[in-house]
Amino acid sequence: MYAFAPDLASRLDVLRRVDYADLTTARQSLRALVAHHEPYRPDATVAVTQHAVPGPPGAPDVPVRVYHPAAPRPLPALIYLHWGGFAVGDLDTVHQTCLRLADRTGSVLVNVDYRLAPEHPYPAALDDCWAVLEWLAKEGADLGVDTGRIGVAGESAGGGLAAALALAVRDRSGPALHLQCLLFPALDDRLTTVSARAFTDTPMWDRANAQITWRYYLGGTAGVVDAYAAPARADRLSGLPPAFVVACEYDPLRDEALTYAHRLVQAGVRTDIGYYPGTFHASIALGDAESSRRILADQERWLRDRLHAEEQTS
């Protein structure tokens, strides 16, 4: 049924489906998966520090991990938001990713441990991301950051949060974002696209898990869902920072990512689209596969070029 890229098809046996309906087991399983990732070894020194960012009013501090490459300062910075269906993940989830990007893009990476659903439904995670952006804009100079060049990136649910943060910054006059990098983002809770309906048994992510995790995340909305919860619902996409949107062929989220990217283009936002035939949602977990290396190299190249551009263009 699925024509996966040969380098991925030969490795599918190492991927076991995680059922998000059993959230305790899902969290344990995905922590174990992350623990077995091959460690990234930077070419140059990357200093890693922990910080507690003041949280939103009435909320706890937001733990962050900051990655400083050995390069002349000030440096651009990238807030990186982990995957996990809004319900799973922590600072370790994208630790190797942040090491790699700090090393290969010459930028400061800020890894965010935002609050998880269903214990903390929307807007808790987005509020935490907003708090981190405000903190970085205010305190970044002391961290060696050029606060005029702060971007946001994320994978899956983290990609949805990154898109939502960009919308919120535009609408609420928050600290400027230089770019948004959205890898196979979760953008649309309605799940009515062709891919969302068709892909019920794909690796890494399927329709059932998408339905469950959106219910977790939107548990406090009483059925009234706005664009900051599900960015695909936004009426207007003009005035947003430049974007790189990645979509995988056999991914329930494929069509919402491509539709969002096309809408950004139509709204006059400088947008690059990466569409990868033969791949599936988060197939970059098989990092040594050629198709994964291609996605990661494209991400690194785009971030390096855009983060080090002197002026924002949209």
C-alpha atoms as a PDB file:
ATOM      1  CA  MET A   1       0.000   0.000   0.000  1.00  0.00           C
ATOM      2  CA  TYR A   2       2.778   2.428   0.889  1.00  0.00           C
ATOM      3  CA  ALA A   3       5.824   2.957  -1.335  1.00  0.00           C
ATOM      4  CA  PHE A   4       8.236   3.905   1.428  1.00  0.00           C
ATOM      5  CA  ALA A   5      11.742   4.928   0.495  1.00  0.00           C
ATOM      6  CA  PRO A   6      13.866   1.742   0.468  1.00  0.00           C
ATOM      7  CA  ASP A   7      16.212   3.061   3.161  1.00  0.00           C
ATOM      8  CA  LEU A   8      13.199   3.517   5.449  1.00  0.00           C
ATOM      9  CA  ALA A   9      11.267   0.393   4.455  1.00  0.00           C
ATOM     10  CA  SER A  10      14.178  -1.825   5.468  1.00  0.00           C
ATOM     11  CA  ARG A  11      14.128  -0.360   8.999  1.00  0.00           C
ATOM     12  CA  LEU A  12      10.435  -0.372   9.847  1.00  0.00           C
ATOM     13  CA  ASP A  13      10.862  -3.343  12.170  1.00  0.00           C
ATOM     14  CA  VAL A  14      12.571  -1.115  14.755  1.00  0.00           C
ATOM     15  CA  LEU A  15       9.536   1.182  15.006  1.00  0.00           C
ATOM     16  CA  ARG A  16       6.752   0.023  17.273  1.00  0.00           C
ATOM     17  CA  ARG A  17       3.428   1.809  17.390  1.00  0.00           C
ATOM     18  CA  VAL A  18       2.890   3.852  20.550  1.00  0.00           C
ATOM     19  CA  ASP A  19      -0.721   4.081  21.689  1.00  0.00           C
ATOM     20  CA  TYR A  20      -1.372   7.530  23.136  1.00  0.00           C
ATOM     21  CA  ALA A  21      -4.622   6.307  24.676  1.00  0.00           C
ATOM     22  CA  ASP A  22      -2.412   4.704  27.347  1.00  0.00           C
ATOM     23  CA  LEU A  23      -0.543   7.872  28.183  1.00  0.00           C
ATOM     24  CA  THR A  24       1.592   6.486  31.014  1.00  0.00           C
ATOM     25  CA  THR A  25       2.971   3.739  28.775  1.00  0.00           C
ATOM     26  CA  ALA A  26       3.338   6.160  25.858  1.00  0.00           C
ATOM     27  CA  ARG A  27       5.496   8.489  27.941  1.00  0.00           C
ATOM     28  CA  GLN A  28       7.645   5.611  29.163  1.00  0.00           C
ATOM     29  CA  SER A  29       8.020   4.172  25.654  1.00  0.00           C
ATOM     30  CA  LEU A  30       9.035   7.430  24.066  1.00  0.00           C
ATOM     31  CA  ARG A  31      11.520   8.242  26.828  1.00  0.00           C
ATOM     32  CA  ALA A  32      13.086   4.843  26.149  1.00  0.00           C
ATOM     33  CA  LEU A  33      13.156   5.556  22.407  1.00  0.00           C
ATOM     34  CA  VAL A  34      14.930   8.870  22.943  1.00  0.00           C
ATOM     35  CA  ALA A  35      17.425   7.284  25.337  1.00  0.00           C
ATOM     36  CA  HIS A  36      18.571   4.951  22.550  1.00  0.00           C
ATOM     37  CA  HIS A  37      19.224   7.690  19.998  1.00  0.00           C
ATOM     38  CA  GLU A  38      22.779   7.860  18.765  1.00  0.00           C
ATOM     39  CA  PRO A  39      24.530  10.723  20.614  1.00  0.00           C
ATOM     40  CA  TYR A  40      25.466  13.665  18.433  1.00  0.00           C
ATOM     41  CA  ARG A  41      29.110  14.636  18.720  1.00  0.00           C
ATOM     42  CA  PRO A  42      29.626  18.319  17.841  1.00  0.00           C
ATOM     43  CA  ASP A  43      32.533  19.310  15.641  1.00  0.00           C
ATOM     44  CA  ALA A  44      33.218  22.223  17.994  1.00  0.00           C
ATOM     45  CA  THR A  45      32.448  22.887  21.636  1.00  0.00           C
ATOM     46  CA  VAL A  46      28.792  23.501  22.479  1.00  0.00           C
ATOM     47  CA  ALA A  47      28.223  24.668  26.061  1.00  0.00           C
ATOM     48  CA  VAL A  48      24.910  23.546  27.551  1.00  0.00           C
ATOM     49  CA  THR A  49      23.257  25.391  30.458  1.00  0.00           C
ATOM     50  CA  GLN A  50      19.959  24.990  32.317  1.00  0.00           C
ATOM     51  CA  HIS A  51      17.662  27.904  33.195  1.00  0.00           C
ATOM     52  CA  ALA A  52      14.314  28.412  34.907  1.00  0.00           C
ATOM     53  CA  VAL A  53      12.344  30.995  32.950  1.00  0.00           C
ATOM     54  CA  PRO A  54       9.622  32.886  34.846  1.00  0.00           C
ATOM     55  CA  GLY A  55       6.365  31.305  33.747  1.00  0.00           C
ATOM     56  CA  PRO A  56       3.052  32.916  32.863  1.00  0.00           C
ATOM     57  CA  PRO A  57       1.128  34.543  35.746  1.00  0.00           C
ATOM     58  CA  GLY A  58       0.131  31.910  38.263  1.00  0.00           C
ATOM     59  CA  ALA A  59       2.115  29.182  36.502  1.00  0.00           C
ATOM     60  CA  PRO A  60       5.424  27.545  37.433  1.00  0.00           C
ATOM     61  CA  ASP A  61       8.765  28.454  35.907  1.00  0.00           C
ATOM     62  CA  VAL A  62       9.494  26.997  32.470  1.00  0.00           C
ATOM     63  CA  PRO A  63      12.639  24.828  32.362  1.00  0.00           C
ATOM     64  CA  VAL A  64      14.846  25.501  29.340  1.00  0.00           C
ATOM     65  CA  ARG A  65      18.160  24.143  28.145  1.00  0.00           C
ATOM     66  CA  VAL A  66      20.375  26.573  26.225  1.00  0.00           C
ATOM     67  CA  TYR A  67      23.077  25.470  23.756  1.00  0.00           C
ATOM     68  CA  HIS A  68      25.913  27.915  23.063  1.00  0.00           C
ATOM     69  CA  PRO A  69      28.230  27.097  20.138  1.00  0.00           C
ATOM     70  CA  ALA A  70      31.823  28.226  20.308  1.00  0.00           C
ATOM     71  CA  ALA A  71      31.531  31.175  17.914  1.00  0.00           C
ATOM     72  CA  PRO A  72      31.933  34.943  18.098  1.00  0.00           C
ATOM     73  CA  ARG A  73      28.957  36.597  19.774  1.00  0.00           C
ATOM     74  CA  PRO A  74      26.302  37.910  19.491  1.00  0.00           C
ATOM     75  CA  LEU A  75      24.668  34.978  17.725  1.00  0.00           C
ATOM     76  CA  PRO A  76      21.191  34.401  16.339  1.00  0.00           C
ATOM     77  CA  ALA A  77      18.947  32.183  18.444  1.00  0.00           C
ATOM     78  CA  LEU A  78      16.359  29.507  17.744  1.00  0.00           C
ATOM     79  CA  ILE A  79      13.628  28.483  20.172  1.00  0.00           C
ATOM     80  CA  TYR A  80      13.082  24.753  19.569  1.00  0.00           C
ATOM     81  CA  LEU A  81       9.815  23.040  20.525  1.00  0.00           C
ATOM     82  CA  HIS A  82       9.755  19.253  20.900  1.00  0.00           C
ATOM     83  CA  TRP A  83       7.375  16.717  19.388  1.00  0.00           C
ATOM     84  CA  GLY A  84       5.028  14.433  21.345  1.00  0.00           C
ATOM     85  CA  GLY A  85       1.402  15.134  20.479  1.00  0.00           C
ATOM     86  CA  PHE A  86       1.213  17.953  23.045  1.00  0.00           C
ATOM     87  CA  ALA A  87       1.189  15.175  25.677  1.00  0.00           C
ATOM     88  CA  VAL A  88       4.674  13.623  25.706  1.00  0.00           C
ATOM     89  CA  GLY A  89       8.205  14.965  25.761  1.00  0.00           C
ATOM     90  CA  ASP A  90      10.711  16.938  27.802  1.00  0.00           C
ATOM     91  CA  LEU A  91      14.132  18.550  27.478  1.00  0.00           C
ATOM     92  CA  ASP A  92      15.743  15.247  26.489  1.00  0.00           C
ATOM     93  CA  THR A  93      13.348  14.683  23.564  1.00  0.00           C
ATOM     94  CA  VAL A  94      15.203  17.007  21.179  1.00  0.00           C
ATOM     95  CA  HIS A  95      18.495  17.299  23.072  1.00  0.00           C
ATOM     96  CA  GLN A  96      20.538  15.703  20.279  1.00  0.00           C
ATOM     97  CA  THR A  97      18.702  17.831  17.705  1.00  0.00           C
ATOM     98  CA  CYS A  98      19.543  21.028  19.562  1.00  0.00           C
ATOM     99  CA  LEU A  99      23.197  20.024  19.884  1.00  0.00           C
ATOM    100  CA  ARG A 100      23.337  19.337  16.159  1.00  0.00           C
ATOM    101  CA  LEU A 101      21.653  22.573  15.130  1.00  0.00           C
ATOM    102  CA  ALA A 102      23.713  24.707  17.500  1.00  0.00           C
ATOM    103  CA  ASP A 103      26.853  23.147  16.061  1.00  0.00           C
ATOM    104  CA  ARG A 104      25.893  23.205  12.390  1.00  0.00           C
ATOM    105  CA  THR A 105      24.057  26.523  12.189  1.00  0.00           C
ATOM    106  CA  GLY A 106      26.277  28.561  14.527  1.00  0.00           C
ATOM    107  CA  SER A 107      23.254  29.638  16.542  1.00  0.00           C
ATOM    108  CA  VAL A 108      22.108  29.547  20.158  1.00  0.00           C
ATOM    109  CA  LEU A 109      19.392  26.909  20.623  1.00  0.00           C
ATOM    110  CA  VAL A 110      16.768  27.197  23.360  1.00  0.00           C
ATOM    111  CA  ASN A 111      15.062  23.877  24.158  1.00  0.00           C
ATOM    112  CA  VAL A 112      11.713  24.407  25.945  1.00  0.00           C
ATOM    113  CA  ASP A 113      10.098  22.033  28.468  1.00  0.00           C
ATOM    114  CA  TYR A 114       6.554  23.359  28.006  1.00  0.00           C
ATOM    115  CA  ARG A 115       3.661  21.973  30.052  1.00  0.00           C
ATOM    116  CA  LEU A 116       1.897  18.915  28.673  1.00  0.00           C
ATOM    117  CA  ALA A 117      -1.728  17.971  28.103  1.00  0.00           C
ATOM    118  CA  PRO A 118      -4.056  16.571  29.290  1.00  0.00           C
ATOM    119  CA  GLU A 119      -2.894  17.732  32.731  1.00  0.00           C
ATOM    120  CA  HIS A 120      -2.270  21.197  31.276  1.00  0.00           C
ATOM    121  CA  PRO A 121      -4.464  21.714  28.197  1.00  0.00           C
ATOM    122  CA  TYR A 122      -4.360  24.643  25.798  1.00  0.00           C
ATOM    123  CA  PRO A 123      -3.255  27.393  26.221  1.00  0.00           C
ATOM    124  CA  ALA A 124      -0.672  26.250  28.815  1.00  0.00           C
ATOM    125  CA  ALA A 125       1.985  25.089  26.329  1.00  0.00           C
ATOM    126  CA  LEU A 126       1.636  28.187  24.145  1.00  0.00           C
ATOM    127  CA  ASP A 127       1.731  30.459  27.209  1.00  0.00           C
ATOM    128  CA  ASP A 128       4.992  28.796  28.257  1.00  0.00           C
ATOM    129  CA  CYS A 129       6.473  29.336  24.791  1.00  0.00           C
ATOM    130  CA  TRP A 130       5.430  32.994  24.901  1.00  0.00           C
ATOM    131  CA  ALA A 131       7.101  33.387  28.297  1.00  0.00           C
ATOM    132  CA  VAL A 132      10.335  31.913  26.928  1.00  0.00           C
ATOM    133  CA  LEU A 133      10.283  34.230  23.907  1.00  0.00           C
ATOM    134  CA  GLU A 134       9.786  37.276  26.145  1.00  0.00           C
ATOM    135  CA  TRP A 135      12.595  36.102  28.431  1.00  0.00           C
ATOM    136  CA  LEU A 136      14.970  35.535  25.528  1.00  0.00           C
ATOM    137  CA  ALA A 137      14.190  38.928  24.015  1.00  0.00           C
ATOM    138  CA  LYS A 138      14.828  40.598  27.393  1.00  0.00           C
ATOM    139  CA  GLU A 139      17.780  38.567  28.713  1.00  0.00           C
ATOM    140  CA  GLY A 140      19.276  37.303  25.474  1.00  0.00           C
ATOM    141  CA  ALA A 141      22.066  39.848  25.295  1.00  0.00           C
ATOM    142  CA  ASP A 142      23.511  38.399  28.508  1.00  0.00           C
ATOM    143  CA  LEU A 143      23.456  34.979  26.816  1.00  0.00           C
ATOM    144  CA  GLY A 144      25.336  36.260  23.797  1.00  0.00           C
ATOM    145  CA  VAL A 145      22.199  36.423  21.630  1.00  0.00           C
ATOM    146  CA  ASP A 146      21.433  38.954  18.923  1.00  0.00           C
ATOM    147  CA  THR A 147      17.845  39.634  20.021  1.00  0.00           C
ATOM    148  CA  GLY A 148      16.995  40.964  16.571  1.00  0.00           C
ATOM    149  CA  ARG A 149      17.481  37.481  15.137  1.00  0.00           C
ATOM    150  CA  ILE A 150      15.322  35.075  17.156  1.00  0.00           C
ATOM    151  CA  GLY A 151      13.491  32.294  15.335  1.00  0.00           C
ATOM    152  CA  VAL A 152      11.173  29.486  16.362  1.00  0.00           C
ATOM    153  CA  ALA A 153      11.127  25.888  15.169  1.00  0.00           C
ATOM    154  CA  GLY A 154       9.384  22.693  16.091  1.00  0.00           C
ATOM    155  CA  GLU A 155       8.510  19.168  15.070  1.00  0.00           C
ATOM    156  CA  SER A 156       4.961  17.771  14.897  1.00  0.00           C
ATOM    157  CA  ALA A 157       3.093  19.222  17.910  1.00  0.00           C
ATOM    158  CA  GLY A 158       6.107  21.479  18.416  1.00  0.00           C
ATOM    159  CA  GLY A 159       5.706  22.665  14.829  1.00  0.00           C
ATOM    160  CA  GLY A 160       2.093  23.528  15.573  1.00  0.00           C
ATOM    161  CA  LEU A 161       3.178  25.468  18.643  1.00  0.00           C
ATOM    162  CA  ALA A 162       5.824  27.283  16.597  1.00  0.00           C
ATOM    163  CA  ALA A 163       3.211  28.341  14.037  1.00  0.00           C
ATOM    164  CA  ALA A 164       0.851  29.414  16.828  1.00  0.00           C
ATOM    165  CA  LEU A 165       3.588  31.458  18.483  1.00  0.00           C
ATOM    166  CA  ALA A 166       4.266  33.271  15.208  1.00  0.00           C
ATOM    167  CA  LEU A 167       0.560  34.123  14.914  1.00  0.00           C
ATOM    168  CA  ALA A 168       0.401  35.299  18.528  1.00  0.00           C
ATOM    169  CA  VAL A 169       3.486  37.498  18.125  1.00  0.00           C
ATOM    170  CA  ARG A 170       1.947  39.173  15.090  1.00  0.00           C
ATOM    171  CA  ASP A 171      -1.424  39.747  16.736  1.00  0.00           C
ATOM    172  CA  ARG A 172      -0.253  40.659  20.234  1.00  0.00           C
ATOM    173  CA  SER A 173       2.791  42.730  19.265  1.00  0.00           C
ATOM    174  CA  GLY A 174       5.238  40.384  20.926  1.00  0.00           C
ATOM    175  CA  PRO A 175       9.017  40.315  20.429  1.00  0.00           C
ATOM    176  CA  ALA A 176       9.756  39.979  16.727  1.00  0.00           C
ATOM    177  CA  LEU A 177      10.442  36.538  15.257  1.00  0.00           C
ATOM    178  CA  HIS A 178      12.983  36.261  12.464  1.00  0.00           C
ATOM    179  CA  LEU A 179      11.660  32.981  11.071  1.00  0.00           C
ATOM    180  CA  GLN A 180       9.497  29.906  11.662  1.00  0.00           C
ATOM    181  CA  CYS A 181      10.649  26.376  10.811  1.00  0.00           C
ATOM    182  CA  LEU A 182       7.795  23.862  10.852  1.00  0.00           C
ATOM    183  CA  LEU A 183       8.622  20.165  10.489  1.00  0.00           C
ATOM    184  CA  PHE A 184       5.557  17.982   9.757  1.00  0.00           C
ATOM    185  CA  PRO A 185       3.512  20.337  11.995  1.00  0.00           C
ATOM    186  CA  ALA A 186       0.239  19.539  13.767  1.00  0.00           C
ATOM    187  CA  LEU A 187      -1.938  22.454  12.655  1.00  0.00           C
ATOM    188  CA  ASP A 188      -5.524  21.296  12.208  1.00  0.00           C
ATOM    189  CA  ASP A 189      -7.650  19.616  14.873  1.00  0.00           C
ATOM    190  CA  ARG A 190     -10.462  18.926  12.398  1.00  0.00           C
ATOM    191  CA  LEU A 191      -8.522  16.098  10.651  1.00  0.00           C
ATOM    192  CA  THR A 192     -10.657  16.351   7.524  1.00  0.00           C
ATOM    193  CA  THR A 193      -7.918  16.349   4.865  1.00  0.00           C
ATOM    194  CA  VAL A 194      -7.358  13.442   2.480  1.00  0.00           C
ATOM    195  CA  SER A 195      -4.172  12.395   4.297  1.00  0.00           C
ATOM    196  CA  ALA A 196      -5.742  12.680   7.749  1.00  0.00           C
ATOM    197  CA  ARG A 197      -8.571  10.384   6.680  1.00  0.00           C
ATOM    198  CA  ALA A 198      -6.467   7.928   4.698  1.00  0.00           C
ATOM    199  CA  PHE A 199      -3.460   7.208   6.890  1.00  0.00           C
ATOM    200  CA  THR A 200      -4.821   5.058   9.704  1.00  0.00           C
ATOM    201  CA  ASP A 201      -1.907   2.623   9.971  1.00  0.00           C
ATOM    202  CA  THR A 202       1.222   4.586   9.056  1.00  0.00           C
ATOM    203  CA  PRO A 203       4.461   4.357  11.097  1.00  0.00           C
ATOM    204  CA  MET A 204       5.193   6.820  13.910  1.00  0.00           C
ATOM    205  CA  TRP A 205       1.819   8.596  13.640  1.00  0.00           C
ATOM    206  CA  ASP A 206      -1.693   7.697  12.555  1.00  0.00           C
ATOM    207  CA  ARG A 207      -5.199   9.083  12.600  1.00  0.00           C
ATOM    208  CA  ALA A 208      -6.175   7.493  15.928  1.00  0.00           C
ATOM    209  CA  ASN A 209      -3.252   9.030  17.810  1.00  0.00           C
ATOM    210  CA  ALA A 210      -3.908  12.403  16.170  1.00  0.00           C
ATOM    211  CA  GLN A 211      -7.526  12.303  17.337  1.00  0.00           C
ATOM    212  CA  ILE A 212      -6.567  11.316  20.889  1.00  0.00           C
ATOM    213  CA  THR A 213      -3.868  13.944  21.312  1.00  0.00           C
ATOM    214  CA  TRP A 214      -6.002  16.778  19.954  1.00  0.00           C
ATOM    215  CA  ARG A 215      -8.639  15.813  22.532  1.00  0.00           C
ATOM    216  CA  TYR A 216      -5.975  15.985  25.246  1.00  0.00           C
ATOM    217  CA  TYR A 217      -4.727  19.364  24.072  1.00  0.00           C
ATOM    218  CA  LEU A 218      -8.121  20.986  23.522  1.00  0.00           C
ATOM    219  CA  GLY A 219      -9.701  19.575  26.671  1.00  0.00           C
ATOM    220  CA  GLY A 220     -10.292  22.995  28.202  1.00  0.00           C
ATOM    221  CA  THR A 221     -11.702  24.778  25.154  1.00  0.00           C
ATOM    222  CA  ALA A 222     -15.333  23.608  25.479  1.00  0.00           C
ATOM    223  CA  GLY A 223     -15.351  23.031  21.736  1.00  0.00           C
ATOM    224  CA  VAL A 224     -14.412  26.607  20.818  1.00  0.00           C
ATOM    225  CA  VAL A 225     -11.076  26.282  19.021  1.00  0.00           C
ATOM    226  CA  ASP A 226      -9.148  29.365  17.931  1.00  0.00           C
ATOM    227  CA  ALA A 227      -6.194  29.816  15.598  1.00  0.00           C
ATOM    228  CA  TYR A 228      -3.660  29.923  18.436  1.00  0.00           C
ATOM    229  CA  ALA A 229      -4.707  26.370  19.322  1.00  0.00           C
ATOM    230  CA  ALA A 230      -4.951  25.112  15.728  1.00  0.00           C
ATOM    231  CA  PRO A 231      -3.173  27.505  13.326  1.00  0.00           C
ATOM    232  CA  ALA A 232      -4.915  26.048  10.251  1.00  0.00           C
ATOM    233  CA  ARG A 233      -8.024  27.859  11.504  1.00  0.00           C
ATOM    234  CA  ALA A 234      -6.378  31.285  11.096  1.00  0.00           C
ATOM    235  CA  ASP A 235      -8.293  33.570   8.732  1.00  0.00           C
ATOM    236  CA  ARG A 236      -5.203  35.594   7.817  1.00  0.00           C
ATOM    237  CA  LEU A 237      -1.572  34.547   7.395  1.00  0.00           C
ATOM    238  CA  SER A 238      -0.054  37.795   6.138  1.00  0.00           C
ATOM    239  CA  GLY A 239       2.529  39.592   8.236  1.00  0.00           C
ATOM    240  CA  LEU A 240       4.214  36.411   9.467  1.00  0.00           C
ATOM    241  CA  PRO A 241       7.958  35.686   9.447  1.00  0.00           C
ATOM    242  CA  PRO A 242       9.605  33.652   6.666  1.00  0.00           C
ATOM    243  CA  ALA A 243       8.831  29.951   6.877  1.00  0.00           C
ATOM    244  CA  PHE A 244      10.249  26.551   6.014  1.00  0.00           C
ATOM    245  CA  VAL A 245       7.526  23.894   6.046  1.00  0.00           C
ATOM    246  CA  VAL A 246       8.362  20.184   5.803  1.00  0.00           C
ATOM    247  CA  ALA A 247       5.781  17.593   4.756  1.00  0.00           C
ATOM    248  CA  CYS A 248       6.183  13.811   4.516  1.00  0.00           C
ATOM    249  CA  GLU A 249       4.294  11.770   1.926  1.00  0.00           C
ATOM    250  CA  TYR A 250       2.749   9.108   4.167  1.00  0.00           C
ATOM    251  CA  ASP A 251       1.772  11.308   7.081  1.00  0.00           C
ATOM    252  CA  PRO A 252      -1.739  12.075   8.331  1.00  0.00           C
ATOM    253  CA  LEU A 253      -0.511  15.671   8.760  1.00  0.00           C
ATOM    254  CA  ARG A 254       0.818  15.964   5.195  1.00  0.00           C
ATOM    255  CA  ASP A 255      -2.045  17.914   3.652  1.00  0.00           C
ATOM    256  CA  GLU A 256      -2.503  20.394   6.490  1.00  0.00           C
ATOM    257  CA  ALA A 257       1.210  21.219   6.298  1.00  0.00           C
ATOM    258  CA  LEU A 258       1.133  21.707   2.518  1.00  0.00           C
ATOM    259  CA  THR A 259      -2.096  23.718   2.647  1.00  0.00           C
ATOM    260  CA  TYR A 260      -0.680  25.977   5.354  1.00  0.00           C
ATOM    261  CA  ALA A 261       2.517  26.479   3.356  1.00  0.00           C
ATOM    262  CA  HIS A 262       0.571  27.366   0.226  1.00  0.00           C
ATOM    263  CA  ARG A 263      -1.575  29.812   2.186  1.00  0.00           C
ATOM    264  CA  LEU A 264       1.586  31.458   3.514  1.00  0.00           C
ATOM    265  CA  VAL A 265       2.830  31.870  -0.056  1.00  0.00           C
ATOM    266  CA  GLN A 266      -0.512  33.331  -1.137  1.00  0.00           C
ATOM    267  CA  ALA A 267      -0.373  35.749   1.811  1.00  0.00           C
ATOM    268  CA  GLY A 268       2.985  37.088   0.637  1.00  0.00           C
ATOM    269  CA  VAL A 269       5.110  35.333   3.272  1.00  0.00           C
ATOM    270  CA  ARG A 270       8.482  34.142   2.009  1.00  0.00           C
ATOM    271  CA  THR A 271       8.063  30.379   2.260  1.00  0.00           C
ATOM    272  CA  ASP A 272      10.193  27.377   1.343  1.00  0.00           C
ATOM    273  CA  ILE A 273       8.468  23.999   1.135  1.00  0.00           C
ATOM    274  CA  GLY A 274      10.183  20.667   1.626  1.00  0.00           C
ATOM    275  CA  TYR A 275       8.090  17.709   0.418  1.00  0.00           C
ATOM    276  CA  TYR A 276       9.731  14.302   0.723  1.00  0.00           C
ATOM    277  CA  PRO A 277       8.276  11.345  -1.217  1.00  0.00           C
ATOM    278  CA  GLY A 278       8.537   7.943   0.410  1.00  0.00           C
ATOM    279  CA  THR A 279       8.817   9.334   3.939  1.00  0.00           C
ATOM    280  CA  PHE A 280       6.394   9.163   6.850  1.00  0.00           C
ATOM    281  CA  HIS A 281       5.688  11.322   9.889  1.00  0.00           C
ATOM    282  CA  ALA A 282       8.886  11.934  11.871  1.00  0.00           C
ATOM    283  CA  SER A 283      10.801   9.403   9.780  1.00  0.00           C
ATOM    284  CA  ILE A 284      13.887  11.447  10.677  1.00  0.00           C
ATOM    285  CA  ALA A 285      13.869   9.266  13.819  1.00  0.00           C
ATOM    286  CA  LEU A 286      15.761   6.845  11.551  1.00  0.00           C
ATOM    287  CA  GLY A 287      18.528   9.387  11.353  1.00  0.00           C
ATOM    288  CA  ASP A 288      21.037   7.284   9.413  1.00  0.00           C
ATOM    289  CA  ALA A 289      18.650   6.757   6.476  1.00  0.00           C
ATOM    290  CA  GLU A 290      19.529   8.710   3.345  1.00  0.00           C
ATOM    291  CA  SER A 291      16.066  10.275   3.142  1.00  0.00           C
ATOM    292  CA  SER A 292      16.397  11.452   6.755  1.00  0.00           C
ATOM    293  CA  ARG A 293      19.821  12.931   6.116  1.00  0.00           C
ATOM    294  CA  ARG A 294      18.354  14.856   3.188  1.00  0.00           C
ATOM    295  CA  ILE A 295      15.585  16.382   5.326  1.00  0.00           C
ATOM    296  CA  LEU A 296      17.999  17.292   8.116  1.00  0.00           C
ATOM    297  CA  ALA A 297      20.533  18.784   5.701  1.00  0.00           C
ATOM    298  CA  ASP A 298      17.814  20.923   4.110  1.00  0.00           C
ATOM    299  CA  GLN A 299      16.677  22.088   7.553  1.00  0.00           C
ATOM    300  CA  GLU A 300      20.219  22.974   8.592  1.00  0.00           C
ATOM    301  CA  ARG A 301      20.923  24.824   5.359  1.00  0.00           C
ATOM    302  CA  TRP A 302      17.727  26.857   5.544  1.00  0.00           C
ATOM    303  CA  LEU A 303      18.204  27.761   9.201  1.00  0.00           C
ATOM    304  CA  ARG A 304      21.848  28.684   8.696  1.00  0.00           C
ATOM    305  CA  ASP A 305      21.032  30.911   5.736  1.00  0.00           C
ATOM    306  CA  ARG A 306      18.012  32.591   7.311  1.00  0.00           C
ATOM    307  CA  LEU A 307      19.316  32.989  10.857  1.00  0.00           C
ATOM    308  CA  HIS A 308      22.452  34.664   9.616  1.00  0.00           C
ATOM    309  CA  ALA A 309      20.636  36.930   7.163  1.00  0.00           C
ATOM    310  CA  GLU A 310      21.026  40.504   8.318  1.00  0.00           C
ATOM    311  CA  GLU A 311      17.481  41.600   7.567  1.00  0.00           C
ATOM    312  CA  GLN A 312      14.115  39.875   7.895  1.00  0.00           C
ATOM    313  CA  THR A 313      12.202  39.510   4.657  1.00  0.00           C
ATOM    314  CA  SER A 314       8.560  38.514   4.462  1.00  0.00           C
END
